Amino acid sequence: MGWESGFFTVDGLKHLILPCVSLASIMLPLFIRLVRAEMLEVLGSEYIKFGKAKGLPLKKIHYQHALKNTMLPVLTVGGVQIGTMVAYTILTETVFQWPGMGFLFLEAINRVDTPLITAYVIFVGLIFVVTNTIVDLLYGLINPTVNLTGKGA
């Protein structure tokens, strides 16, 4: 009742900076390359050329038309990479000496605690399933041609 975690204080948030940067820096180059490659591919499309010929501002063409179509593969890779980032938390927890699920998993492996190893693997699998479900639902928001109701398939 009187116990507080300390994560939601200014000092606790300062201690989150380096672990967050280390987790983000693992995934950032992949997303930068993917967005660049997809934008170059989309900007060479016919509808972009028609938008330029129509006289639309480049800012509108880039952000409203090209970036929207670029987001589909980025969203797909992002959904898979969230599950991969869970695996990298084991490394981050070890480096920064934070007890968490990753540290618990390593201890379970060292002690051959099969039920705990199984529970962790099921938990990571559940994260993959939930993330991919959310990604599929977000497809309908980004691309209006994706049908979420299941009719017309």
N, C-alpha and C. Protein backbone atom coordinates (compact mmCIF):
# COMPACT_ATOMS: atom_id res chain seq x y z
N MET A 1 0.81 -1.20 0.00
CA MET A 1 0.00 0.00 0.00
C MET A 1 0.85 1.26 0.00
N GLY A 2 1.89 1.29 0.81
CA GLY A 2 2.72 2.47 0.86
C GLY A 2 3.94 2.40 -0.04
N TRP A 3 4.04 1.30 -0.82
CA TRP A 3 5.21 1.11 -1.67
C TRP A 3 5.01 1.79 -3.01
N GLU A 4 6.02 2.52 -3.47
CA GLU A 4 5.97 3.16 -4.78
C GLU A 4 7.16 2.67 -5.60
N SER A 5 6.97 2.57 -6.91
CA SER A 5 8.00 1.95 -7.75
C SER A 5 9.19 2.87 -8.01
N GLY A 6 8.97 4.16 -8.16
CA GLY A 6 10.06 5.07 -8.46
C GLY A 6 10.27 5.29 -9.94
N PHE A 7 9.59 4.52 -10.80
CA PHE A 7 9.72 4.70 -12.25
C PHE A 7 9.05 5.98 -12.72
N PHE A 8 8.03 6.41 -12.03
CA PHE A 8 7.26 7.56 -12.48
C PHE A 8 7.71 8.85 -11.83
N THR A 9 8.94 8.87 -11.38
CA THR A 9 9.53 10.10 -10.87
C THR A 9 10.49 10.64 -11.92
N VAL A 10 10.97 11.84 -11.71
CA VAL A 10 11.92 12.43 -12.66
C VAL A 10 13.19 11.60 -12.73
N ASP A 11 13.67 11.14 -11.58
CA ASP A 11 14.88 10.33 -11.55
C ASP A 11 14.66 8.99 -12.24
N GLY A 12 13.49 8.40 -12.05
CA GLY A 12 13.18 7.14 -12.71
C GLY A 12 13.13 7.28 -14.22
N LEU A 13 12.58 8.40 -14.69
CA LEU A 13 12.52 8.63 -16.13
C LEU A 13 13.90 8.89 -16.71
N LYS A 14 14.79 9.52 -15.93
CA LYS A 14 16.16 9.72 -16.40
C LYS A 14 16.88 8.39 -16.58
N HIS A 15 16.56 7.42 -15.72
CA HIS A 15 17.20 6.11 -15.82
C HIS A 15 16.62 5.28 -16.97
N LEU A 16 15.54 5.72 -17.56
CA LEU A 16 14.98 5.01 -18.71
C LEU A 16 15.59 5.44 -20.04
N ILE A 17 16.31 6.56 -20.05
CA ILE A 17 16.80 7.12 -21.31
C ILE A 17 17.75 6.16 -22.02
N LEU A 18 18.80 5.71 -21.37
CA LEU A 18 19.79 4.84 -22.04
C LEU A 18 19.21 3.49 -22.46
N PRO A 19 18.42 2.80 -21.62
CA PRO A 19 17.82 1.55 -22.13
C PRO A 19 16.90 1.77 -23.32
N CYS A 20 16.14 2.86 -23.32
CA CYS A 20 15.26 3.15 -24.46
C CYS A 20 16.07 3.46 -25.71
N VAL A 21 17.15 4.20 -25.56
CA VAL A 21 18.00 4.51 -26.71
C VAL A 21 18.64 3.24 -27.25
N SER A 22 19.07 2.35 -26.37
CA SER A 22 19.71 1.12 -26.84
C SER A 22 18.72 0.22 -27.57
N LEU A 23 17.48 0.13 -27.09
CA LEU A 23 16.49 -0.67 -27.79
C LEU A 23 16.08 -0.04 -29.12
N ALA A 24 15.95 1.28 -29.13
CA ALA A 24 15.54 1.96 -30.37
C ALA A 24 16.65 1.94 -31.41
N SER A 25 17.89 2.03 -30.97
CA SER A 25 19.00 2.07 -31.94
C SER A 25 19.19 0.74 -32.65
N ILE A 26 18.69 -0.34 -32.08
CA ILE A 26 18.77 -1.63 -32.75
C ILE A 26 17.86 -1.65 -33.98
N MET A 27 16.68 -1.05 -33.85
CA MET A 27 15.67 -1.11 -34.92
C MET A 27 15.73 0.08 -35.89
N LEU A 28 16.30 1.18 -35.47
CA LEU A 28 16.25 2.41 -36.25
C LEU A 28 16.87 2.29 -37.65
N PRO A 29 18.05 1.71 -37.82
CA PRO A 29 18.62 1.62 -39.18
C PRO A 29 17.74 0.83 -40.15
N LEU A 30 17.10 -0.21 -39.65
CA LEU A 30 16.22 -1.01 -40.50
C LEU A 30 15.06 -0.16 -41.02
N PHE A 31 14.45 0.61 -40.13
CA PHE A 31 13.31 1.43 -40.54
C PHE A 31 13.73 2.58 -41.45
N ILE A 32 14.89 3.15 -41.20
CA ILE A 32 15.36 4.24 -42.07
C ILE A 32 15.58 3.73 -43.49
N ARG A 33 16.25 2.58 -43.61
CA ARG A 33 16.48 2.02 -44.95
C ARG A 33 15.18 1.62 -45.63
N LEU A 34 14.26 1.06 -44.86
CA LEU A 34 13.00 0.61 -45.43
C LEU A 34 12.15 1.78 -45.91
N VAL A 35 12.05 2.83 -45.10
CA VAL A 35 11.27 4.01 -45.51
C VAL A 35 11.89 4.66 -46.73
N ARG A 36 13.21 4.76 -46.75
CA ARG A 36 13.88 5.37 -47.91
C ARG A 36 13.63 4.57 -49.18
N ALA A 37 13.82 3.26 -49.10
CA ALA A 37 13.63 2.42 -50.29
C ALA A 37 12.19 2.46 -50.78
N GLU A 38 11.25 2.40 -49.86
CA GLU A 38 9.84 2.42 -50.25
C GLU A 38 9.44 3.77 -50.81
N MET A 39 9.94 4.86 -50.22
CA MET A 39 9.61 6.19 -50.73
C MET A 39 10.17 6.38 -52.14
N LEU A 40 11.38 5.91 -52.38
CA LEU A 40 11.95 6.01 -53.73
C LEU A 40 11.13 5.22 -54.74
N GLU A 41 10.64 4.06 -54.32
CA GLU A 41 9.82 3.25 -55.21
C GLU A 41 8.47 3.92 -55.47
N VAL A 42 7.84 4.43 -54.42
CA VAL A 42 6.52 5.05 -54.57
C VAL A 42 6.61 6.35 -55.34
N LEU A 43 7.68 7.12 -55.12
CA LEU A 43 7.81 8.40 -55.82
C LEU A 43 8.02 8.23 -57.33
N GLY A 44 8.36 7.04 -57.76
CA GLY A 44 8.49 6.77 -59.18
C GLY A 44 7.20 6.26 -59.81
N SER A 45 6.13 6.18 -59.02
CA SER A 45 4.85 5.65 -59.52
C SER A 45 4.14 6.65 -60.42
N GLU A 46 3.21 6.12 -61.19
CA GLU A 46 2.47 6.94 -62.14
C GLU A 46 1.60 7.98 -61.45
N TYR A 47 0.92 7.59 -60.36
CA TYR A 47 0.01 8.54 -59.72
C TYR A 47 0.75 9.72 -59.10
N ILE A 48 2.01 9.52 -58.73
CA ILE A 48 2.82 10.64 -58.22
C ILE A 48 3.15 11.59 -59.38
N LYS A 49 3.48 11.01 -60.52
CA LYS A 49 3.76 11.85 -61.70
C LYS A 49 2.52 12.63 -62.12
N PHE A 50 1.36 11.99 -62.03
CA PHE A 50 0.11 12.69 -62.37
C PHE A 50 -0.19 13.80 -61.37
N GLY A 51 0.13 13.56 -60.09
CA GLY A 51 -0.07 14.60 -59.08
C GLY A 51 0.81 15.81 -59.33
N LYS A 52 2.06 15.55 -59.73
CA LYS A 52 2.97 16.66 -60.06
C LYS A 52 2.48 17.40 -61.30
N ALA A 53 2.00 16.64 -62.30
CA ALA A 53 1.50 17.27 -63.53
C ALA A 53 0.24 18.07 -63.26
N LYS A 54 -0.54 17.62 -62.28
CA LYS A 54 -1.77 18.33 -61.92
C LYS A 54 -1.47 19.63 -61.20
N GLY A 55 -0.27 19.75 -60.65
CA GLY A 55 0.13 20.98 -59.97
C GLY A 55 -0.02 20.93 -58.47
N LEU A 56 -0.15 19.73 -57.90
CA LEU A 56 -0.24 19.61 -56.44
C LEU A 56 1.09 19.99 -55.81
N PRO A 57 1.05 20.60 -54.63
CA PRO A 57 2.31 20.93 -53.95
C PRO A 57 3.08 19.66 -53.60
N LEU A 58 4.41 19.74 -53.68
CA LEU A 58 5.24 18.56 -53.38
C LEU A 58 5.04 18.06 -51.97
N LYS A 59 4.82 18.97 -51.03
CA LYS A 59 4.61 18.57 -49.64
C LYS A 59 3.36 17.69 -49.52
N LYS A 60 2.30 18.07 -50.22
CA LYS A 60 1.07 17.28 -50.19
C LYS A 60 1.28 15.93 -50.87
N ILE A 61 2.01 15.93 -51.97
CA ILE A 61 2.27 14.66 -52.68
C ILE A 61 3.08 13.72 -51.80
N HIS A 62 4.11 14.25 -51.15
CA HIS A 62 4.98 13.41 -50.33
C HIS A 62 4.27 12.88 -49.10
N TYR A 63 3.60 13.75 -48.35
CA TYR A 63 3.03 13.34 -47.07
C TYR A 63 1.66 12.69 -47.19
N GLN A 64 0.82 13.17 -48.10
CA GLN A 64 -0.53 12.65 -48.16
C GLN A 64 -0.64 11.43 -49.07
N HIS A 65 0.12 11.38 -50.13
CA HIS A 65 -0.02 10.28 -51.09
C HIS A 65 1.11 9.26 -50.98
N ALA A 66 2.35 9.71 -51.06
CA ALA A 66 3.48 8.76 -51.10
C ALA A 66 3.71 8.11 -49.74
N LEU A 67 3.72 8.90 -48.68
CA LEU A 67 4.02 8.34 -47.36
C LEU A 67 2.95 7.36 -46.91
N LYS A 68 1.70 7.59 -47.30
CA LYS A 68 0.62 6.69 -46.93
C LYS A 68 0.84 5.30 -47.53
N ASN A 69 1.28 5.25 -48.79
CA ASN A 69 1.55 3.96 -49.42
C ASN A 69 2.86 3.35 -48.96
N THR A 70 3.75 4.17 -48.46
CA THR A 70 5.02 3.68 -47.92
C THR A 70 4.80 2.99 -46.58
N MET A 71 3.80 3.39 -45.85
CA MET A 71 3.59 2.89 -44.50
C MET A 71 3.17 1.43 -44.44
N LEU A 72 2.61 0.88 -45.50
CA LEU A 72 2.16 -0.52 -45.44
C LEU A 72 3.31 -1.50 -45.19
N PRO A 73 4.40 -1.49 -45.97
CA PRO A 73 5.50 -2.40 -45.65
C PRO A 73 6.21 -2.04 -44.35
N VAL A 74 6.26 -0.75 -44.03
CA VAL A 74 6.90 -0.33 -42.78
C VAL A 74 6.11 -0.86 -41.59
N LEU A 75 4.79 -0.82 -41.69
CA LEU A 75 3.93 -1.34 -40.63
C LEU A 75 4.09 -2.85 -40.49
N THR A 76 4.22 -3.54 -41.60
CA THR A 76 4.41 -5.00 -41.56
C THR A 76 5.71 -5.35 -40.86
N VAL A 77 6.79 -4.71 -41.26
CA VAL A 77 8.09 -4.99 -40.64
C VAL A 77 8.09 -4.55 -39.18
N GLY A 78 7.44 -3.43 -38.90
CA GLY A 78 7.37 -2.94 -37.52
C GLY A 78 6.67 -3.90 -36.59
N GLY A 79 5.62 -4.55 -37.08
CA GLY A 79 4.92 -5.53 -36.25
C GLY A 79 5.80 -6.71 -35.88
N VAL A 80 6.57 -7.17 -36.83
CA VAL A 80 7.49 -8.29 -36.55
C VAL A 80 8.63 -7.83 -35.64
N GLN A 81 9.11 -6.62 -35.85
CA GLN A 81 10.25 -6.13 -35.08
C GLN A 81 9.90 -5.85 -33.62
N ILE A 82 8.64 -5.61 -33.31
CA ILE A 82 8.26 -5.43 -31.90
C ILE A 82 8.51 -6.73 -31.14
N GLY A 83 8.17 -7.84 -31.76
CA GLY A 83 8.48 -9.13 -31.12
C GLY A 83 9.97 -9.37 -30.99
N THR A 84 10.72 -8.94 -31.98
CA THR A 84 12.18 -9.07 -31.92
C THR A 84 12.75 -8.18 -30.82
N MET A 85 12.15 -7.02 -30.64
CA MET A 85 12.63 -6.11 -29.60
C MET A 85 12.43 -6.72 -28.21
N VAL A 86 11.38 -7.53 -28.05
CA VAL A 86 11.18 -8.23 -26.77
C VAL A 86 12.37 -9.15 -26.51
N ALA A 87 12.88 -9.78 -27.56
CA ALA A 87 14.04 -10.65 -27.39
C ALA A 87 15.27 -9.84 -27.01
N TYR A 88 15.41 -8.62 -27.54
CA TYR A 88 16.56 -7.78 -27.21
C TYR A 88 16.47 -7.19 -25.80
N THR A 89 15.30 -7.24 -25.19
CA THR A 89 15.22 -6.73 -23.82
C THR A 89 16.05 -7.59 -22.86
N ILE A 90 16.26 -8.85 -23.21
CA ILE A 90 17.11 -9.70 -22.38
C ILE A 90 18.52 -9.11 -22.31
N LEU A 91 19.04 -8.71 -23.46
CA LEU A 91 20.37 -8.09 -23.51
C LEU A 91 20.39 -6.76 -22.78
N THR A 92 19.36 -5.95 -22.99
CA THR A 92 19.30 -4.63 -22.35
C THR A 92 19.21 -4.76 -20.84
N GLU A 93 18.39 -5.69 -20.36
CA GLU A 93 18.27 -5.89 -18.91
C GLU A 93 19.59 -6.38 -18.32
N THR A 94 20.31 -7.19 -19.06
CA THR A 94 21.60 -7.68 -18.56
C THR A 94 22.62 -6.56 -18.49
N VAL A 95 22.69 -5.73 -19.53
CA VAL A 95 23.67 -4.65 -19.56
C VAL A 95 23.39 -3.62 -18.48
N PHE A 96 22.13 -3.25 -18.31
CA PHE A 96 21.78 -2.19 -17.36
C PHE A 96 21.40 -2.72 -15.98
N GLN A 97 21.55 -4.02 -15.76
CA GLN A 97 21.28 -4.65 -14.47
C GLN A 97 19.89 -4.34 -13.95
N TRP A 98 18.90 -4.49 -14.81
CA TRP A 98 17.51 -4.30 -14.42
C TRP A 98 16.85 -5.66 -14.33
N PRO A 99 16.28 -6.00 -13.20
CA PRO A 99 15.55 -7.27 -13.14
C PRO A 99 14.22 -7.13 -13.88
N GLY A 100 13.99 -8.03 -14.81
CA GLY A 100 12.76 -7.99 -15.59
C GLY A 100 12.47 -9.36 -16.16
N MET A 101 11.61 -9.41 -17.17
CA MET A 101 11.23 -10.69 -17.77
C MET A 101 12.42 -11.38 -18.44
N GLY A 102 13.29 -10.61 -19.06
CA GLY A 102 14.45 -11.20 -19.71
C GLY A 102 15.40 -11.83 -18.71
N PHE A 103 15.64 -11.12 -17.61
CA PHE A 103 16.52 -11.66 -16.56
C PHE A 103 15.89 -12.90 -15.94
N LEU A 104 14.56 -12.87 -15.75
CA LEU A 104 13.85 -14.02 -15.22
C LEU A 104 13.98 -15.22 -16.16
N PHE A 105 13.91 -14.96 -17.46
CA PHE A 105 14.05 -16.03 -18.45
C PHE A 105 15.45 -16.64 -18.42
N LEU A 106 16.48 -15.80 -18.31
CA LEU A 106 17.85 -16.32 -18.23
C LEU A 106 18.05 -17.16 -16.98
N GLU A 107 17.50 -16.71 -15.87
CA GLU A 107 17.59 -17.49 -14.63
C GLU A 107 16.85 -18.82 -14.76
N ALA A 108 15.72 -18.81 -15.45
CA ALA A 108 14.96 -20.05 -15.66
C ALA A 108 15.76 -21.03 -16.52
N ILE A 109 16.50 -20.51 -17.50
CA ILE A 109 17.33 -21.39 -18.33
C ILE A 109 18.48 -21.96 -17.50
N ASN A 110 19.10 -21.13 -16.67
CA ASN A 110 20.21 -21.61 -15.84
C ASN A 110 19.76 -22.67 -14.85
N ARG A 111 18.54 -22.55 -14.35
CA ARG A 111 18.03 -23.49 -13.34
C ARG A 111 17.16 -24.59 -13.95
N VAL A 112 17.06 -24.62 -15.26
CA VAL A 112 16.26 -25.59 -16.00
C VAL A 112 14.83 -25.62 -15.45
N ASP A 113 14.24 -24.46 -15.34
CA ASP A 113 12.87 -24.31 -14.86
C ASP A 113 11.94 -24.36 -16.07
N THR A 114 11.57 -25.57 -16.46
CA THR A 114 10.81 -25.78 -17.69
C THR A 114 9.46 -25.06 -17.70
N PRO A 115 8.67 -25.08 -16.63
CA PRO A 115 7.39 -24.35 -16.69
C PRO A 115 7.56 -22.84 -16.92
N LEU A 116 8.58 -22.25 -16.32
CA LEU A 116 8.80 -20.82 -16.51
C LEU A 116 9.30 -20.52 -17.93
N ILE A 117 10.16 -21.38 -18.46
CA ILE A 117 10.62 -21.21 -19.84
C ILE A 117 9.43 -21.31 -20.80
N THR A 118 8.57 -22.29 -20.56
CA THR A 118 7.38 -22.46 -21.40
C THR A 118 6.46 -21.25 -21.31
N ALA A 119 6.26 -20.74 -20.11
CA ALA A 119 5.40 -19.57 -19.93
C ALA A 119 5.97 -18.35 -20.64
N TYR A 120 7.28 -18.17 -20.59
CA TYR A 120 7.90 -17.03 -21.27
C TYR A 120 7.77 -17.15 -22.78
N VAL A 121 7.98 -18.35 -23.31
CA VAL A 121 7.86 -18.55 -24.76
C VAL A 121 6.42 -18.32 -25.20
N ILE A 122 5.45 -18.77 -24.41
CA ILE A 122 4.04 -18.53 -24.74
C ILE A 122 3.73 -17.04 -24.67
N PHE A 123 4.30 -16.35 -23.68
CA PHE A 123 4.09 -14.91 -23.55
C PHE A 123 4.64 -14.15 -24.76
N VAL A 124 5.84 -14.51 -25.20
CA VAL A 124 6.43 -13.86 -26.38
C VAL A 124 5.61 -14.20 -27.62
N GLY A 125 5.14 -15.43 -27.73
CA GLY A 125 4.26 -15.79 -28.84
C GLY A 125 2.97 -15.00 -28.83
N LEU A 126 2.42 -14.77 -27.65
CA LEU A 126 1.20 -13.96 -27.52
C LEU A 126 1.45 -12.52 -27.95
N ILE A 127 2.63 -12.00 -27.64
CA ILE A 127 2.98 -10.65 -28.08
C ILE A 127 3.01 -10.59 -29.61
N PHE A 128 3.58 -11.61 -30.26
CA PHE A 128 3.59 -11.66 -31.72
C PHE A 128 2.17 -11.70 -32.29
N VAL A 129 1.30 -12.52 -31.70
CA VAL A 129 -0.07 -12.66 -32.21
C VAL A 129 -0.84 -11.36 -32.05
N VAL A 130 -0.75 -10.74 -30.87
CA VAL A 130 -1.47 -9.48 -30.63
C VAL A 130 -0.93 -8.37 -31.53
N THR A 131 0.38 -8.30 -31.67
CA THR A 131 0.98 -7.27 -32.52
C THR A 131 0.55 -7.43 -33.97
N ASN A 132 0.57 -8.65 -34.48
CA ASN A 132 0.17 -8.87 -35.87
C ASN A 132 -1.32 -8.62 -36.08
N THR A 133 -2.14 -8.88 -35.07
CA THR A 133 -3.56 -8.55 -35.17
C THR A 133 -3.76 -7.05 -35.24
N ILE A 134 -3.04 -6.31 -34.42
CA ILE A 134 -3.14 -4.84 -34.45
C ILE A 134 -2.64 -4.30 -35.79
N VAL A 135 -1.56 -4.89 -36.31
CA VAL A 135 -1.04 -4.46 -37.62
C VAL A 135 -2.09 -4.70 -38.71
N ASP A 136 -2.76 -5.85 -38.67
CA ASP A 136 -3.79 -6.13 -39.67
C ASP A 136 -4.95 -5.15 -39.57
N LEU A 137 -5.31 -4.76 -38.36
CA LEU A 137 -6.39 -3.79 -38.19
C LEU A 137 -5.96 -2.39 -38.65
N LEU A 138 -4.70 -2.07 -38.45
CA LEU A 138 -4.19 -0.76 -38.89
C LEU A 138 -4.12 -0.66 -40.41
N TYR A 139 -3.99 -1.81 -41.09
CA TYR A 139 -4.01 -1.80 -42.56
C TYR A 139 -5.29 -1.14 -43.08
N GLY A 140 -6.41 -1.43 -42.42
CA GLY A 140 -7.68 -0.86 -42.85
C GLY A 140 -7.74 0.64 -42.70
N LEU A 141 -7.01 1.18 -41.72
CA LEU A 141 -6.98 2.63 -41.53
C LEU A 141 -6.07 3.31 -42.55
N ILE A 142 -4.96 2.67 -42.85
CA ILE A 142 -3.99 3.27 -43.77
C ILE A 142 -4.42 3.09 -45.22
N ASN A 143 -4.87 1.90 -45.57
CA ASN A 143 -5.25 1.60 -46.95
C ASN A 143 -6.75 1.33 -47.01
N PRO A 144 -7.53 2.25 -47.54
CA PRO A 144 -8.98 2.05 -47.55
C PRO A 144 -9.45 0.92 -48.46
N THR A 145 -8.59 0.40 -49.33
CA THR A 145 -9.00 -0.72 -50.18
C THR A 145 -8.98 -2.04 -49.42
N VAL A 146 -8.36 -2.08 -48.23
CA VAL A 146 -8.35 -3.29 -47.42
C VAL A 146 -9.71 -3.40 -46.74
N ASN A 147 -10.35 -4.55 -46.88
CA ASN A 147 -11.68 -4.76 -46.33
C ASN A 147 -11.55 -5.48 -44.99
N LEU A 148 -12.02 -4.85 -43.91
CA LEU A 148 -11.91 -5.44 -42.58
C LEU A 148 -13.12 -6.29 -42.21
N THR A 149 -14.21 -6.21 -42.97
CA THR A 149 -15.43 -6.91 -42.59
C THR A 149 -15.44 -8.36 -43.02
N GLY A 150 -14.63 -8.73 -43.98
CA GLY A 150 -14.60 -10.10 -44.46
C GLY A 150 -15.57 -10.36 -45.59
N LYS A 151 -16.35 -9.38 -45.97
CA LYS A 151 -17.30 -9.54 -47.08
C LYS A 151 -16.57 -9.29 -48.40
N GLY A 152 -17.01 -9.96 -49.42
CA GLY A 152 -16.46 -9.73 -50.75
C GLY A 152 -15.14 -10.44 -51.00
N ALA A 153 -14.78 -11.35 -50.13
CA ALA A 153 -13.51 -12.05 -50.30
C ALA A 153 -13.68 -13.25 -51.21
